[in-house]
Every structure is written in C-alpha cells, then in structure tokens.
Amino acid sequence: MQASGASLEEVAAFAHKKRNEIKKPALEAAPPDLLNKIVERNVKIYNNSSGPTFEQLVDSGKTFKQIIESTTRSGGGDIL
C-alpha cells in the first residue's frame, strides 16, 4: 500500500480493519463460555466488545507502525 502512495495512517487503519474482519469467524466459532470471557475482557479494557478501536489505539499513543505490527499478533493471552 505504501508503495502505491498510501500513508502509514491509511495502512494502519486498513490493517486494523482487516484484522477485525479476519477474527469474526473465529469468534463466531468460539464456544459460548469462551466468547463471553472474550467479550467481557474487551468491554472491561476497551469499553468495546470487539477490542480497541483504531482511534483508541492512536489516542493511547501507539504509532501507526506499532498499530500495523500489532495486527500481525494475536492477543488474549490473559483470557486462557
């Protein structure tokens, strides 16, 4: 994307959006008790059942590069 002229912000926003799209099927397939834990954790930490919004990440001080890198890692190690 950057080679095509996109800014780091545009790449970071795209990567964040795609990560959320990719995780939907996994969440839909999760057992109800695990899904409830995930949703409860996300609401507690991010006030959002889906995890942090792009704006929350930026507002927390994450750089666009950090946001892009974070989309390649899974989270939730504190759930299991």
PDB file of N, CA and C in Angstrom:
ATOM      1  N   MET A   1       0.827  -1.194   0.000  1.00  0.00           N
ATOM      2  CA  MET A   1       0.000   0.000   0.000  1.00  0.00           C
ATOM      3  C   MET A   1       0.872   1.259   0.000  1.00  0.00           C
ATOM      4  N   GLN A   2       1.922   1.216   0.820  1.00  0.00           N
ATOM      5  CA  GLN A   2       2.794   2.386   0.857  1.00  0.00           C
ATOM      6  C   GLN A   2       3.458   2.622  -0.498  1.00  0.00           C
ATOM      7  N   ALA A   3       3.836   1.550  -1.175  1.00  0.00           N
ATOM      8  CA  ALA A   3       4.465   1.689  -2.485  1.00  0.00           C
ATOM      9  C   ALA A   3       3.507   2.339  -3.479  1.00  0.00           C
ATOM     10  N   SER A   4       2.227   2.216  -3.220  1.00  0.00           N
ATOM     11  CA  SER A   4       1.219   2.829  -4.093  1.00  0.00           C
ATOM     12  C   SER A   4       0.863   4.241  -3.659  1.00  0.00           C
ATOM     13  N   GLY A   5       1.529   4.722  -2.614  1.00  0.00           N
ATOM     14  CA  GLY A   5       1.319   6.097  -2.181  1.00  0.00           C
ATOM     15  C   GLY A   5       0.485   6.274  -0.929  1.00  0.00           C
ATOM     16  N   ALA A   6       0.056   5.184  -0.318  1.00  0.00           N
ATOM     17  CA  ALA A   6      -0.744   5.296   0.906  1.00  0.00           C
ATOM     18  C   ALA A   6       0.138   5.745   2.073  1.00  0.00           C
ATOM     19  N   SER A   7      -0.431   6.532   2.949  1.00  0.00           N
ATOM     20  CA  SER A   7       0.290   6.977   4.140  1.00  0.00           C
ATOM     21  C   SER A   7       0.319   5.847   5.175  1.00  0.00           C
ATOM     22  N   LEU A   8       1.206   5.984   6.158  1.00  0.00           N
ATOM     23  CA  LEU A   8       1.238   4.996   7.245  1.00  0.00           C
ATOM     24  C   LEU A   8      -0.104   4.941   7.973  1.00  0.00           C
ATOM     25  N   GLU A   9      -0.737   6.083   8.127  1.00  0.00           N
ATOM     26  CA  GLU A   9      -2.048   6.107   8.781  1.00  0.00           C
ATOM     27  C   GLU A   9      -3.067   5.287   7.993  1.00  0.00           C
ATOM     28  N   GLU A  10      -3.078   5.441   6.685  1.00  0.00           N
ATOM     29  CA  GLU A  10      -4.008   4.671   5.850  1.00  0.00           C
ATOM     30  C   GLU A  10      -3.722   3.180   5.937  1.00  0.00           C
ATOM     31  N   VAL A  11      -2.446   2.812   5.933  1.00  0.00           N
ATOM     32  CA  VAL A  11      -2.078   1.397   6.043  1.00  0.00           C
ATOM     33  C   VAL A  11      -2.495   0.858   7.400  1.00  0.00           C
ATOM     34  N   ALA A  12      -2.243   1.616   8.466  1.00  0.00           N
ATOM     35  CA  ALA A  12      -2.591   1.176   9.811  1.00  0.00           C
ATOM     36  C   ALA A  12      -4.110   1.006   9.958  1.00  0.00           C
ATOM     37  N   ALA A  13      -4.870   1.941   9.444  1.00  0.00           N
ATOM     38  CA  ALA A  13      -6.333   1.848   9.521  1.00  0.00           C
ATOM     39  C   ALA A  13      -6.836   0.641   8.739  1.00  0.00           C
ATOM     40  N   PHE A  14      -6.267   0.410   7.565  1.00  0.00           N
ATOM     41  CA  PHE A  14      -6.649  -0.744   6.751  1.00  0.00           C
ATOM     42  C   PHE A  14      -6.309  -2.049   7.467  1.00  0.00           C
ATOM     43  N   ALA A  15      -5.101  -2.138   8.018  1.00  0.00           N
ATOM     44  CA  ALA A  15      -4.676  -3.365   8.704  1.00  0.00           C
ATOM     45  C   ALA A  15      -5.555  -3.641   9.923  1.00  0.00           C
ATOM     46  N   HIS A  16      -5.885  -2.601  10.662  1.00  0.00           N
ATOM     47  CA  HIS A  16      -6.749  -2.760  11.836  1.00  0.00           C
ATOM     48  C   HIS A  16      -8.131  -3.264  11.417  1.00  0.00           C
ATOM     49  N   LYS A  17      -8.680  -2.676  10.377  1.00  0.00           N
ATOM     50  CA  LYS A  17      -9.994  -3.091   9.876  1.00  0.00           C
ATOM     51  C   LYS A  17      -9.965  -4.542   9.407  1.00  0.00           C
ATOM     52  N   LYS A  18      -8.930  -4.909   8.658  1.00  0.00           N
ATOM     53  CA  LYS A  18      -8.821  -6.286   8.151  1.00  0.00           C
ATOM     54  C   LYS A  18      -8.675  -7.281   9.289  1.00  0.00           C
ATOM     55  N   ARG A  19      -7.895  -6.934  10.314  1.00  0.00           N
ATOM     56  CA  ARG A  19      -7.739  -7.844  11.445  1.00  0.00           C
ATOM     57  C   ARG A  19      -9.094  -8.110  12.093  1.00  0.00           C
ATOM     58  N   ASN A  20      -9.885  -7.070  12.266  1.00  0.00           N
ATOM     59  CA  ASN A  20     -11.205  -7.250  12.861  1.00  0.00           C
ATOM     60  C   ASN A  20     -12.100  -8.125  11.984  1.00  0.00           C
ATOM     61  N   GLU A  21     -11.988  -7.979  10.677  1.00  0.00           N
ATOM     62  CA  GLU A  21     -12.770  -8.824   9.769  1.00  0.00           C
ATOM     63  C   GLU A  21     -12.328 -10.283   9.848  1.00  0.00           C
ATOM     64  N   ILE A  22     -11.032 -10.502   9.950  1.00  0.00           N
ATOM     65  CA  ILE A  22     -10.483 -11.856   9.995  1.00  0.00           C
ATOM     66  C   ILE A  22     -10.859 -12.569  11.291  1.00  0.00           C
ATOM     67  N   LYS A  23     -10.922 -11.841  12.392  1.00  0.00           N
ATOM     68  CA  LYS A  23     -11.198 -12.504  13.664  1.00  0.00           C
ATOM     69  C   LYS A  23     -12.686 -12.833  13.871  1.00  0.00           C
ATOM     70  N   LYS A  24     -13.569 -12.246  13.078  1.00  0.00           N
ATOM     71  CA  LYS A  24     -15.005 -12.508  13.243  1.00  0.00           C
ATOM     72  C   LYS A  24     -15.364 -13.985  13.146  1.00  0.00           C
ATOM     73  N   PRO A  25     -14.910 -14.716  12.120  1.00  0.00           N
ATOM     74  CA  PRO A  25     -15.270 -16.137  12.038  1.00  0.00           C
ATOM     75  C   PRO A  25     -14.761 -16.953  13.232  1.00  0.00           C
ATOM     76  N   ALA A  26     -13.579 -16.599  13.733  1.00  0.00           N
ATOM     77  CA  ALA A  26     -13.048 -17.318  14.893  1.00  0.00           C
ATOM     78  C   ALA A  26     -13.918 -17.061  16.121  1.00  0.00           C
ATOM     79  N   LEU A  27     -14.348 -15.835  16.282  1.00  0.00           N
ATOM     80  CA  LEU A  27     -15.209 -15.519  17.418  1.00  0.00           C
ATOM     81  C   LEU A  27     -16.563 -16.207  17.288  1.00  0.00           C
ATOM     82  N   GLU A  28     -17.076 -16.249  16.082  1.00  0.00           N
ATOM     83  CA  GLU A  28     -18.366 -16.901  15.863  1.00  0.00           C
ATOM     84  C   GLU A  28     -18.288 -18.404  16.128  1.00  0.00           C
ATOM     85  N   ALA A  29     -17.116 -18.989  15.945  1.00  0.00           N
ATOM     86  CA  ALA A  29     -16.938 -20.426  16.160  1.00  0.00           C
ATOM     87  C   ALA A  29     -16.544 -20.763  17.600  1.00  0.00           C
ATOM     88  N   ALA A  30     -16.249 -19.757  18.391  1.00  0.00           N
ATOM     89  CA  ALA A  30     -15.812 -19.995  19.771  1.00  0.00           C
ATOM     90  C   ALA A  30     -16.960 -20.545  20.608  1.00  0.00           C
ATOM     91  N   PRO A  31     -16.623 -21.427  21.544  1.00  0.00           N
ATOM     92  CA  PRO A  31     -17.658 -21.897  22.475  1.00  0.00           C
ATOM     93  C   PRO A  31     -18.239 -20.708  23.249  1.00  0.00           C
ATOM     94  N   PRO A  32     -19.518 -20.760  23.575  1.00  0.00           N
ATOM     95  CA  PRO A  32     -20.167 -19.614  24.233  1.00  0.00           C
ATOM     96  C   PRO A  32     -19.459 -19.130  25.500  1.00  0.00           C
ATOM     97  N   ASP A  33     -18.949 -20.045  26.326  1.00  0.00           N
ATOM     98  CA  ASP A  33     -18.289 -19.602  27.554  1.00  0.00           C
ATOM     99  C   ASP A  33     -16.996 -18.838  27.253  1.00  0.00           C
ATOM    100  N   LEU A  34     -16.251 -19.269  26.253  1.00  0.00           N
ATOM    101  CA  LEU A  34     -15.035 -18.561  25.867  1.00  0.00           C
ATOM    102  C   LEU A  34     -15.384 -17.219  25.231  1.00  0.00           C
ATOM    103  N   LEU A  35     -16.376 -17.201  24.369  1.00  0.00           N
ATOM    104  CA  LEU A  35     -16.799 -15.953  23.748  1.00  0.00           C
ATOM    105  C   LEU A  35     -17.228 -14.938  24.804  1.00  0.00           C
ATOM    106  N   ASN A  36     -17.945 -15.401  25.815  1.00  0.00           N
ATOM    107  CA  ASN A  36     -18.358 -14.499  26.896  1.00  0.00           C
ATOM    108  C   ASN A  36     -17.148 -13.914  27.614  1.00  0.00           C
ATOM    109  N   LYS A  37     -16.128 -14.735  27.869  1.00  0.00           N
ATOM    110  CA  LYS A  37     -14.908 -14.240  28.516  1.00  0.00           C
ATOM    111  C   LYS A  37     -14.220 -13.191  27.653  1.00  0.00           C
ATOM    112  N   ILE A  38     -14.157 -13.452  26.363  1.00  0.00           N
ATOM    113  CA  ILE A  38     -13.508 -12.516  25.443  1.00  0.00           C
ATOM    114  C   ILE A  38     -14.253 -11.184  25.426  1.00  0.00           C
ATOM    115  N   VAL A  39     -15.559 -11.262  25.298  1.00  0.00           N
ATOM    116  CA  VAL A  39     -16.367 -10.037  25.249  1.00  0.00           C
ATOM    117  C   VAL A  39     -16.257  -9.272  26.562  1.00  0.00           C
ATOM    118  N   GLU A  40     -16.354  -9.968  27.688  1.00  0.00           N
ATOM    119  CA  GLU A  40     -16.247  -9.313  28.997  1.00  0.00           C
ATOM    120  C   GLU A  40     -14.900  -8.611  29.151  1.00  0.00           C
ATOM    121  N   ARG A  41     -13.824  -9.289  28.739  1.00  0.00           N
ATOM    122  CA  ARG A  41     -12.487  -8.700  28.824  1.00  0.00           C
ATOM    123  C   ARG A  41     -12.403  -7.448  27.965  1.00  0.00           C
ATOM    124  N   ASN A  42     -12.873  -7.545  26.731  1.00  0.00           N
ATOM    125  CA  ASN A  42     -12.782  -6.404  25.831  1.00  0.00           C
ATOM    126  C   ASN A  42     -13.591  -5.212  26.329  1.00  0.00           C
ATOM    127  N   VAL A  43     -14.770  -5.478  26.849  1.00  0.00           N
ATOM    128  CA  VAL A  43     -15.596  -4.382  27.380  1.00  0.00           C
ATOM    129  C   VAL A  43     -14.904  -3.760  28.598  1.00  0.00           C
ATOM    130  N   LYS A  44     -14.344  -4.604  29.446  1.00  0.00           N
ATOM    131  CA  LYS A  44     -13.669  -4.103  30.648  1.00  0.00           C
ATOM    132  C   LYS A  44     -12.468  -3.227  30.284  1.00  0.00           C
ATOM    133  N   ILE A  45     -11.665  -3.679  29.326  1.00  0.00           N
ATOM    134  CA  ILE A  45     -10.441  -2.963  28.982  1.00  0.00           C
ATOM    135  C   ILE A  45     -10.685  -1.823  28.007  1.00  0.00           C
ATOM    136  N   TYR A  46     -11.517  -2.082  26.982  1.00  0.00           N
ATOM    137  CA  TYR A  46     -11.660  -1.126  25.877  1.00  0.00           C
ATOM    138  C   TYR A  46     -13.030  -0.463  25.789  1.00  0.00           C
ATOM    139  N   ASN A  47     -13.967  -0.879  26.657  1.00  0.00           N
ATOM    140  CA  ASN A  47     -15.331  -0.377  26.596  1.00  0.00           C
ATOM    141  C   ASN A  47     -15.948  -0.659  25.224  1.00  0.00           C
ATOM    142  N   ASN A  48     -15.555  -1.798  24.660  1.00  0.00           N
ATOM    143  CA  ASN A  48     -15.986  -2.189  23.321  1.00  0.00           C
ATOM    144  C   ASN A  48     -15.865  -3.706  23.233  1.00  0.00           C
ATOM    145  N   SER A  49     -16.892  -4.378  22.823  1.00  0.00           N
ATOM    146  CA  SER A  49     -16.884  -5.842  22.801  1.00  0.00           C
ATOM    147  C   SER A  49     -15.933  -6.421  21.760  1.00  0.00           C
ATOM    148  N   SER A  50     -15.531  -5.635  20.777  1.00  0.00           N
ATOM    149  CA  SER A  50     -14.667  -6.125  19.711  1.00  0.00           C
ATOM    150  C   SER A  50     -13.186  -5.854  19.934  1.00  0.00           C
ATOM    151  N   GLY A  51     -12.840  -5.178  21.002  1.00  0.00           N
ATOM    152  CA  GLY A  51     -11.448  -4.810  21.228  1.00  0.00           C
ATOM    153  C   GLY A  51     -11.244  -3.339  20.947  1.00  0.00           C
ATOM    154  N   PRO A  52      -9.995  -2.893  20.939  1.00  0.00           N
ATOM    155  CA  PRO A  52      -9.749  -1.462  20.780  1.00  0.00           C
ATOM    156  C   PRO A  52     -10.112  -0.974  19.385  1.00  0.00           C
ATOM    157  N   THR A  53     -10.642   0.221  19.330  1.00  0.00           N
ATOM    158  CA  THR A  53     -10.887   0.852  18.038  1.00  0.00           C
ATOM    159  C   THR A  53      -9.569   1.442  17.546  1.00  0.00           C
ATOM    160  N   PHE A  54      -9.519   1.761  16.279  1.00  0.00           N
ATOM    161  CA  PHE A  54      -8.334   2.404  15.716  1.00  0.00           C
ATOM    162  C   PHE A  54      -8.058   3.708  16.465  1.00  0.00           C
ATOM    163  N   GLU A  55      -9.106   4.469  16.734  1.00  0.00           N
ATOM    164  CA  GLU A  55      -8.952   5.745  17.420  1.00  0.00           C
ATOM    165  C   GLU A  55      -8.403   5.551  18.825  1.00  0.00           C
ATOM    166  N   GLN A  56      -8.858   4.507  19.529  1.00  0.00           N
ATOM    167  CA  GLN A  56      -8.339   4.236  20.869  1.00  0.00           C
ATOM    168  C   GLN A  56      -6.848   3.929  20.829  1.00  0.00           C
ATOM    169  N   LEU A  57      -6.427   3.165  19.833  1.00  0.00           N
ATOM    170  CA  LEU A  57      -5.009   2.841  19.712  1.00  0.00           C
ATOM    171  C   LEU A  57      -4.183   4.102  19.478  1.00  0.00           C
ATOM    172  N   VAL A  58      -4.659   4.959  18.591  1.00  0.00           N
ATOM    173  CA  VAL A  58      -3.951   6.217  18.312  1.00  0.00           C
ATOM    174  C   VAL A  58      -3.943   7.094  19.556  1.00  0.00           C
ATOM    175  N   ASP A  59      -5.097   7.224  20.198  1.00  0.00           N
ATOM    176  CA  ASP A  59      -5.200   8.073  21.386  1.00  0.00           C
ATOM    177  C   ASP A  59      -4.346   7.562  22.541  1.00  0.00           C
ATOM    178  N   SER A  60      -4.066   6.253  22.566  1.00  0.00           N
ATOM    179  CA  SER A  60      -3.250   5.690  23.644  1.00  0.00           C
ATOM    180  C   SER A  60      -1.759   5.911  23.399  1.00  0.00           C
ATOM    181  N   GLY A  61      -1.422   6.502  22.243  1.00  0.00           N
ATOM    182  CA  GLY A  61      -0.025   6.802  21.955  1.00  0.00           C
ATOM    183  C   GLY A  61       0.653   5.838  21.007  1.00  0.00           C
ATOM    184  N   LYS A  62      -0.080   4.861  20.505  1.00  0.00           N
ATOM    185  CA  LYS A  62       0.505   3.923  19.539  1.00  0.00           C
ATOM    186  C   LYS A  62       0.822   4.657  18.241  1.00  0.00           C
ATOM    187  N   THR A  63       1.975   4.358  17.678  1.00  0.00           N
ATOM    188  CA  THR A  63       2.306   4.920  16.373  1.00  0.00           C
ATOM    189  C   THR A  63       1.610   4.088  15.307  1.00  0.00           C
ATOM    190  N   PHE A  64       1.551   4.624  14.115  1.00  0.00           N
ATOM    191  CA  PHE A  64       0.929   3.863  13.030  1.00  0.00           C
ATOM    192  C   PHE A  64       1.723   2.582  12.752  1.00  0.00           C
ATOM    193  N   LYS A  65       3.043   2.658  12.859  1.00  0.00           N
ATOM    194  CA  LYS A  65       3.858   1.452  12.680  1.00  0.00           C
ATOM    195  C   LYS A  65       3.539   0.417  13.751  1.00  0.00           C
ATOM    196  N   GLN A  66       3.369   0.842  14.989  1.00  0.00           N
ATOM    197  CA  GLN A  66       3.039  -0.089  16.073  1.00  0.00           C
ATOM    198  C   GLN A  66       1.674  -0.730  15.841  1.00  0.00           C
ATOM    199  N   ILE A  67       0.735   0.046  15.349  1.00  0.00           N
ATOM    200  CA  ILE A  67      -0.594  -0.499  15.064  1.00  0.00           C
ATOM    201  C   ILE A  67      -0.498  -1.537  13.960  1.00  0.00           C
ATOM    202  N   ILE A  68       0.250  -1.229  12.921  1.00  0.00           N
ATOM    203  CA  ILE A  68       0.425  -2.190  11.826  1.00  0.00           C
ATOM    204  C   ILE A  68       1.053  -3.468  12.350  1.00  0.00           C
ATOM    205  N   GLU A  69       2.113  -3.354  13.126  1.00  0.00           N
ATOM    206  CA  GLU A  69       2.790  -4.532  13.675  1.00  0.00           C
ATOM    207  C   GLU A  69       1.868  -5.328  14.594  1.00  0.00           C
ATOM    208  N   SER A  70       1.052  -4.634  15.367  1.00  0.00           N
ATOM    209  CA  SER A  70       0.179  -5.335  16.312  1.00  0.00           C
ATOM    210  C   SER A  70      -0.906  -6.146  15.612  1.00  0.00           C
ATOM    211  N   THR A  71      -1.223  -5.780  14.378  1.00  0.00           N
ATOM    212  CA  THR A  71      -2.257  -6.543  13.667  1.00  0.00           C
ATOM    213  C   THR A  71      -1.763  -7.913  13.240  1.00  0.00           C
ATOM    214  N   THR A  72      -0.471  -8.148  13.342  1.00  0.00           N
ATOM    215  CA  THR A  72       0.085  -9.449  12.970  1.00  0.00           C
ATOM    216  C   THR A  72       0.192 -10.396  14.155  1.00  0.00           C
ATOM    217  N   ARG A  73      -0.154  -9.909  15.339  1.00  0.00           N
ATOM    218  CA  ARG A  73      -0.054 -10.735  16.552  1.00  0.00           C
ATOM    219  C   ARG A  73      -1.427 -11.007  17.130  1.00  0.00           C
ATOM    220  N   SER A  74      -1.580 -12.191  17.652  1.00  0.00           N
ATOM    221  CA  SER A  74      -2.835 -12.485  18.355  1.00  0.00           C
ATOM    222  C   SER A  74      -2.704 -11.968  19.778  1.00  0.00           C
ATOM    223  N   GLY A  75      -3.817 -11.735  20.376  1.00  0.00           N
ATOM    224  CA  GLY A  75      -3.817 -11.265  21.762  1.00  0.00           C
ATOM    225  C   GLY A  75      -4.643 -12.212  22.603  1.00  0.00           C
ATOM    226  N   GLY A  76      -5.041 -11.742  23.752  1.00  0.00           N
ATOM    227  CA  GLY A  76      -5.925 -12.504  24.615  1.00  0.00           C
ATOM    228  C   GLY A  76      -5.245 -13.551  25.458  1.00  0.00           C
ATOM    229  N   GLY A  77      -3.931 -13.490  25.584  1.00  0.00           N
ATOM    230  CA  GLY A  77      -3.232 -14.458  26.424  1.00  0.00           C
ATOM    231  C   GLY A  77      -3.695 -14.433  27.865  1.00  0.00           C
ATOM    232  N   ASP A  78      -4.301 -13.332  28.274  1.00  0.00           N
ATOM    233  CA  ASP A  78      -4.790 -13.218  29.642  1.00  0.00           C
ATOM    234  C   ASP A  78      -6.171 -13.868  29.838  1.00  0.00           C
ATOM    235  N   ILE A  79      -6.753 -14.373  28.761  1.00  0.00           N
ATOM    236  CA  ILE A  79      -8.086 -14.966  28.853  1.00  0.00           C
ATOM    237  C   ILE A  79      -8.002 -16.438  29.254  1.00  0.00           C
ATOM    238  N   LEU A  80      -7.075 -17.162  28.673  1.00  0.00           N
ATOM    239  CA  LEU A  80      -6.994 -18.613  28.903  1.00  0.00           C
ATOM    240  C   LEU A  80      -6.229 -18.943  30.112  1.00  0.00           C
TER     241      LEU A  80
END
